[in-house]
């Protein structure tokens, strides 16, 4: 791939229009590379709108020190204020609801089933629904009733059902930490500033569940009454690297020193490169590594067992 110069110009044009036509704008700052690009574009090209822009960082309670230092660097470089928000810390959320496991969808459906004292049973849909009549959605997930190729089935993760049937883990599963430790506190802040536009750094090329979540880089008013702008949605890695160079942008040490490709929620079991991230974390921030082991260790161990199970049962 080559640098998409037209995409950059298109993005800048959209920035000019959306910033001009909204009155209170919330920019989600993660300390990661995508949000660094967005902050640079706003502060270097559209400073005239800073009076109505609010930069916000949701502290989940598990954050790299390198990221927190980088937020200070961004404030000094651009002369801005980044609001540090704190809701229910992830360690408390996990202790209260359960650990993330494999994927958000899997965690949510297993949590639904566990609320009804679910026993890992290999029964057809009708029999299982008769046993758990209050959890039809979870039963459909477990019995692959959504259709052969649906991503809402447990078979979307090959071997997972067989693994859980053999393991019968007592672990409580949940993806609530994502919502109550990050999304909820950001939404509450957006309401407090009466935001009519929020800007985030998702990119389609990163793949995963996000890739199919949006069809455009701009979405009109959501359930919270705000428009949503994702400036980098259609940017590829080459275009992003080019803009970093010409903009003289310095990412956090997580990227520049450790070599991470993305940060996301620290230590999240959903991470595609979890094991390599944990090794780097142990090397550069051992305190954070120990905290992640304490909070997510049960999930890490179970996911490693699942990986071994798949290898043996190929």
Protein backbone atom coordinates (compact mmCIF):
# COMPACT_ATOMS: atom_id res chain seq x y z
CA UNK A 1 0.00 0.00 0.00
CA UNK A 2 1.03 3.60 -0.58
CA UNK A 3 0.20 6.78 1.30
CA UNK A 4 -3.37 7.90 0.62
CA UNK A 5 -2.84 11.66 0.32
CA UNK A 6 -6.42 12.18 -0.87
CA UNK A 7 -7.66 10.46 2.28
CA UNK A 8 -5.72 12.91 4.43
CA UNK A 9 -7.17 15.90 2.59
CA UNK A 10 -10.64 14.40 2.83
CA UNK A 11 -10.22 13.91 6.57
CA UNK A 12 -9.03 17.49 7.09
CA UNK A 13 -12.01 18.76 5.15
CA UNK A 14 -14.40 16.77 7.31
CA UNK A 15 -12.64 18.01 10.44
CA UNK A 16 -13.15 21.63 9.35
CA UNK A 17 -16.86 21.05 8.71
CA UNK A 18 -17.68 19.04 11.83
CA UNK A 19 -15.73 21.24 14.24
CA UNK A 20 -17.39 24.36 12.81
CA UNK A 21 -20.91 22.93 13.02
CA UNK A 22 -20.89 21.59 16.57
CA UNK A 23 -20.93 23.52 19.82
CA UNK A 24 -19.44 21.17 22.41
CA UNK A 25 -16.99 18.51 21.28
CA UNK A 26 -15.55 15.66 23.33
CA UNK A 27 -12.31 14.12 22.05
CA UNK A 28 -11.47 10.75 23.56
CA UNK A 29 -7.73 10.63 24.30
CA UNK A 30 -6.34 7.19 25.05
CA UNK A 31 -2.64 7.97 24.98
CA UNK A 32 -2.39 5.62 22.00
CA UNK A 33 -1.12 6.31 18.51
CA UNK A 34 -4.47 6.97 16.83
CA UNK A 35 -5.58 9.54 19.36
CA UNK A 36 -2.13 11.15 19.11
CA UNK A 37 -2.78 11.76 15.41
CA UNK A 38 -6.19 13.26 16.17
CA UNK A 39 -4.88 15.55 18.90
CA UNK A 40 -2.11 16.74 16.56
CA UNK A 41 -4.55 17.51 13.74
CA UNK A 42 -6.83 19.51 16.03
CA UNK A 43 -4.11 21.43 17.82
CA UNK A 44 -1.91 22.17 14.80
CA UNK A 45 -4.60 22.87 12.20
CA UNK A 46 -7.79 23.82 14.04
CA UNK A 47 -6.71 25.69 17.18
CA UNK A 48 -9.43 28.27 16.50
CA UNK A 49 -11.93 25.70 17.76
CA UNK A 50 -10.13 24.76 20.99
CA UNK A 51 -12.53 26.87 23.05
CA UNK A 52 -15.31 24.33 22.43
CA UNK A 53 -13.21 21.14 22.48
CA UNK A 54 -12.87 18.98 25.59
CA UNK A 55 -10.12 16.34 25.68
CA UNK A 56 -10.92 13.42 28.01
CA UNK A 57 -9.01 10.36 29.20
CA UNK A 58 -10.79 7.53 31.02
CA UNK A 59 -8.49 6.05 33.65
CA UNK A 60 -9.56 2.43 34.11
CA UNK A 61 -7.50 1.88 37.23
CA UNK A 62 -4.97 -0.20 35.28
CA UNK A 63 -2.84 2.11 33.17
CA UNK A 64 0.76 2.15 31.99
CA UNK A 65 2.86 4.78 33.69
CA UNK A 66 4.25 5.45 30.22
CA UNK A 67 0.74 6.39 29.06
CA UNK A 68 0.13 8.70 32.01
CA UNK A 69 3.46 10.44 31.38
CA UNK A 70 2.54 10.79 27.73
CA UNK A 71 -0.67 12.61 28.62
CA UNK A 72 1.44 15.18 30.48
CA UNK A 73 3.67 15.47 27.41
CA UNK A 74 0.65 16.11 25.17
CA UNK A 75 -0.60 18.84 27.48
CA UNK A 76 2.79 20.57 27.51
CA UNK A 77 3.37 20.28 23.78
CA UNK A 78 -0.03 21.54 22.65
CA UNK A 79 -1.00 23.78 25.56
CA UNK A 80 -4.20 21.87 26.29
CA UNK A 81 -5.94 20.35 29.29
CA UNK A 82 -6.84 16.64 29.23
CA UNK A 83 -9.53 15.77 31.75
CA UNK A 84 -8.64 12.64 33.70
CA UNK A 85 -11.84 10.72 34.38
CA UNK A 86 -12.18 7.85 36.83
CA UNK A 87 -15.22 5.65 37.24
CA UNK A 88 -15.35 2.19 38.77
CA UNK A 89 -11.79 0.82 38.50
CA UNK A 90 -11.39 -2.37 36.48
CA UNK A 91 -10.10 -4.40 39.48
CA UNK A 92 -13.36 -3.68 41.31
CA UNK A 93 -15.49 -4.30 38.21
CA UNK A 94 -13.84 -7.69 37.62
CA UNK A 95 -14.14 -8.68 41.26
CA UNK A 96 -17.83 -7.73 41.22
CA UNK A 97 -18.96 -9.18 37.88
CA UNK A 98 -16.33 -11.60 36.56
CA UNK A 99 -13.37 -11.78 34.18
CA UNK A 100 -13.33 -11.15 30.43
CA UNK A 101 -12.72 -14.34 28.49
CA UNK A 102 -11.93 -14.93 24.77
CA UNK A 103 -14.14 -12.11 23.47
CA UNK A 104 -16.67 -9.58 24.65
CA UNK A 105 -19.53 -11.49 23.04
CA UNK A 106 -18.50 -14.82 24.56
CA UNK A 107 -18.13 -13.24 28.00
CA UNK A 108 -21.53 -11.57 27.80
CA UNK A 109 -23.38 -14.74 26.75
CA UNK A 110 -21.63 -16.93 29.31
CA UNK A 111 -22.44 -14.36 31.98
CA UNK A 112 -26.12 -14.51 31.00
CA UNK A 113 -26.11 -18.28 31.34
CA UNK A 114 -24.24 -18.26 34.64
CA UNK A 115 -26.86 -15.93 36.14
CA UNK A 116 -29.26 -18.88 35.85
CA UNK A 117 -26.89 -21.38 37.48
CA UNK A 118 -25.94 -22.83 34.12
CA UNK A 119 -24.31 -26.25 34.05
CA UNK A 120 -22.12 -27.01 31.06
CA UNK A 121 -24.35 -29.49 29.26
CA UNK A 122 -24.37 -30.75 25.69
CA UNK A 123 -28.13 -30.73 25.10
CA UNK A 124 -30.21 -29.65 22.08
CA UNK A 125 -31.80 -26.21 22.08
CA UNK A 126 -35.31 -27.30 23.13
CA UNK A 127 -34.13 -29.28 26.15
CA UNK A 128 -31.71 -26.62 27.30
CA UNK A 129 -34.27 -23.85 26.89
CA UNK A 130 -36.71 -25.88 29.00
CA UNK A 131 -34.09 -25.95 31.77
CA UNK A 132 -33.18 -22.26 31.43
CA UNK A 133 -36.35 -20.56 30.15
CA UNK A 134 -35.24 -17.12 31.28
CA UNK A 135 -32.08 -17.18 29.15
CA UNK A 136 -33.13 -17.90 25.60
CA UNK A 137 -30.38 -15.70 24.09
CA UNK A 138 -27.67 -17.51 26.05
CA UNK A 139 -29.12 -20.90 25.13
CA UNK A 140 -29.20 -19.94 21.45
CA UNK A 141 -25.52 -18.96 21.70
CA UNK A 142 -24.56 -22.21 23.43
CA UNK A 143 -26.49 -24.47 21.03
CA UNK A 144 -25.48 -22.61 17.86
CA UNK A 145 -29.11 -21.80 17.14
CA UNK A 146 -28.36 -18.50 15.37
CA UNK A 147 -27.46 -20.26 12.14
CA UNK A 148 -24.49 -22.19 10.83
CA UNK A 149 -22.25 -19.21 10.02
CA UNK A 150 -23.48 -16.65 12.53
CA UNK A 151 -20.85 -14.94 14.67
CA UNK A 152 -23.37 -15.06 17.55
CA UNK A 153 -22.83 -18.79 17.94
CA UNK A 154 -20.29 -20.32 20.29
CA UNK A 155 -18.85 -22.19 17.28
CA UNK A 156 -17.58 -18.84 16.04
CA UNK A 157 -14.71 -19.72 18.39
CA UNK A 158 -13.80 -23.23 17.13
CA UNK A 159 -13.39 -25.74 19.93
CA UNK A 160 -14.63 -23.43 22.69
CA UNK A 161 -17.79 -25.37 23.50
CA UNK A 162 -15.90 -28.66 23.62
CA UNK A 163 -13.28 -27.08 25.87
CA UNK A 164 -15.85 -25.69 28.32
CA UNK A 165 -17.68 -29.02 28.39
CA UNK A 166 -14.47 -30.79 29.33
CA UNK A 167 -13.15 -28.14 31.71
CA UNK A 168 -16.43 -27.04 33.36
CA UNK A 169 -14.73 -23.97 34.85
CA UNK A 170 -16.12 -22.32 37.98
CA UNK A 171 -14.76 -18.98 36.78
CA UNK A 172 -17.33 -16.17 36.55
CA UNK A 173 -17.28 -14.50 33.15
CA UNK A 174 -18.23 -10.96 32.24
CA UNK A 175 -17.30 -8.08 29.95
CA UNK A 176 -18.84 -5.48 32.27
CA UNK A 177 -15.46 -3.88 33.00
CA UNK A 178 -15.39 -2.45 29.48
CA UNK A 179 -18.70 -0.67 30.03
CA UNK A 180 -18.60 0.53 33.62
CA UNK A 181 -14.89 1.34 33.88
CA UNK A 182 -14.54 3.22 30.61
CA UNK A 183 -17.63 3.79 28.47
CA UNK A 184 -19.93 4.82 31.30
CA UNK A 185 -17.59 7.45 32.75
CA UNK A 186 -17.00 8.93 29.27
CA UNK A 187 -20.72 9.09 28.57
CA UNK A 188 -21.38 10.79 31.90
CA UNK A 189 -18.68 13.34 31.16
CA UNK A 190 -20.08 13.99 27.67
CA UNK A 191 -23.48 14.69 29.19
CA UNK A 192 -21.95 17.03 31.75
CA UNK A 193 -20.45 19.21 29.00
CA UNK A 194 -23.58 18.88 26.82
CA UNK A 195 -21.50 17.38 24.00
CA UNK A 196 -23.12 17.24 20.58
CA UNK A 197 -20.10 15.56 18.93
CA UNK A 198 -17.60 13.04 20.19
CA UNK A 199 -14.44 12.08 18.37
CA UNK A 200 -12.67 8.74 18.70
CA UNK A 201 -9.74 7.02 17.01
CA UNK A 202 -11.13 3.73 15.66
CA UNK A 203 -9.67 2.47 12.39
CA UNK A 204 -11.32 -0.14 10.19
CA UNK A 205 -7.96 -1.62 9.18
CA UNK A 206 -7.34 -2.79 12.76
CA UNK A 207 -9.87 -5.54 12.14
CA UNK A 208 -11.70 -7.43 14.84
CA UNK A 209 -15.27 -6.68 15.91
CA UNK A 210 -14.78 -2.97 15.28
CA UNK A 211 -14.21 -3.48 11.57
CA UNK A 212 -17.86 -4.30 11.00
CA UNK A 213 -19.28 -1.94 13.60
CA UNK A 214 -19.39 1.16 11.39
CA UNK A 215 -20.01 1.85 7.72
CA UNK A 216 -18.85 5.47 7.73
CA UNK A 217 -16.45 7.70 9.60
CA UNK A 218 -19.40 9.86 10.70
CA UNK A 219 -22.62 8.79 12.40
CA UNK A 220 -25.51 11.06 13.23
CA UNK A 221 -26.94 11.45 16.71
CA UNK A 222 -26.79 8.23 18.73
CA UNK A 223 -28.93 7.21 21.70
CA UNK A 224 -27.02 9.70 23.85
CA UNK A 225 -27.82 12.58 21.50
CA UNK A 226 -24.32 13.04 20.08
CA UNK A 227 -22.90 12.74 16.60
CA UNK A 228 -19.86 10.48 16.31
CA UNK A 229 -16.79 11.26 14.18
CA UNK A 230 -13.99 8.73 13.61
CA UNK A 231 -11.48 10.74 11.53
CA UNK A 232 -9.06 7.85 10.93
CA UNK A 233 -11.65 5.18 10.14
CA UNK A 234 -10.43 4.68 6.57
CA UNK A 235 -6.71 5.37 7.18
CA UNK A 236 -4.26 2.54 6.53
CA UNK A 237 -0.98 2.07 8.41
CA UNK A 238 1.12 3.73 5.70
CA UNK A 239 -0.98 6.87 5.68
CA UNK A 240 -0.87 7.04 9.45
CA UNK A 241 2.94 6.55 9.51
CA UNK A 242 3.35 9.31 6.91
CA UNK A 243 1.29 11.76 8.94
CA UNK A 244 3.25 10.91 12.09
CA UNK A 245 6.50 11.74 10.30
CA UNK A 246 5.45 15.00 8.69
CA UNK A 247 3.70 16.10 11.89
CA UNK A 248 6.74 15.37 14.05
CA UNK A 249 4.53 13.30 16.32
CA UNK A 250 6.14 11.34 19.14
CA UNK A 251 4.14 8.42 20.49
CA UNK A 252 4.37 7.20 24.06
CA UNK A 253 7.20 4.95 25.21
CA UNK A 254 4.83 2.00 24.82
CA UNK A 255 5.34 2.42 21.08
CA UNK A 256 8.68 4.18 20.74
CA UNK A 257 10.61 2.12 23.32
CA UNK A 258 8.66 -1.08 23.99
CA UNK A 259 7.60 -1.65 20.40
CA UNK A 260 3.87 -2.17 20.98
CA UNK A 261 1.64 -1.74 17.91
CA UNK A 262 -1.36 -0.65 19.97
CA UNK A 263 -2.18 -0.20 23.63
CA UNK A 264 -5.93 -0.52 24.25
CA UNK A 265 -7.09 -1.54 27.73
CA UNK A 266 -4.00 -2.65 29.63
CA UNK A 267 -3.73 -6.41 30.03
CA UNK A 268 -7.18 -7.08 28.58
CA UNK A 269 -7.62 -10.82 27.90
CA UNK A 270 -9.25 -9.92 24.57
CA UNK A 271 -5.97 -8.55 23.17
CA UNK A 272 -4.80 -10.33 20.02
CA UNK A 273 -1.13 -10.20 21.05
CA UNK A 274 -1.70 -10.69 24.76
CA UNK A 275 1.29 -12.91 25.54
CA UNK A 276 3.83 -10.63 23.87
CA UNK A 277 2.24 -7.62 25.57
CA UNK A 278 2.52 -9.30 28.96
CA UNK A 279 6.22 -10.06 28.38
CA UNK A 280 6.93 -6.43 27.52
CA UNK A 281 4.87 -5.28 30.48
CA UNK A 282 6.83 -7.54 32.82
CA UNK A 283 10.06 -6.07 31.47
CA UNK A 284 9.18 -2.38 31.47
CA UNK A 285 6.46 -2.02 34.11
CA UNK A 286 6.56 -5.01 36.47
CA UNK A 287 4.15 -3.37 38.91
CA UNK A 288 1.50 -3.14 36.22
CA UNK A 289 2.25 -6.72 35.20
CA UNK A 290 1.64 -7.95 38.76
CA UNK A 291 -1.64 -6.03 38.95
CA UNK A 292 -2.85 -7.55 35.68
CA UNK A 293 -1.95 -11.03 36.89
CA UNK A 294 -3.93 -10.40 40.06
CA UNK A 295 -6.99 -9.06 38.20
CA UNK A 296 -7.03 -11.17 35.02
CA UNK A 297 -4.82 -14.13 35.96
CA UNK A 298 -7.71 -16.59 36.12
CA UNK A 299 -8.70 -15.66 32.57
CA UNK A 300 -5.11 -15.80 31.29
CA UNK A 301 -4.68 -19.33 32.64
CA UNK A 302 -7.98 -20.51 31.21
CA UNK A 303 -7.20 -19.06 27.80
CA UNK A 304 -3.82 -20.79 27.78
CA UNK A 305 -5.56 -24.08 28.58
CA UNK A 306 -7.99 -23.40 25.73
CA UNK A 307 -5.11 -22.82 23.34
CA UNK A 308 -3.48 -26.10 24.42
CA UNK A 309 -6.81 -27.89 24.06
CA UNK A 310 -7.13 -26.71 20.47
CA UNK A 311 -3.58 -27.81 19.67
CA UNK A 312 -4.20 -31.29 21.02
CA UNK A 313 -7.58 -31.65 19.34
CA UNK A 314 -6.71 -30.38 15.86
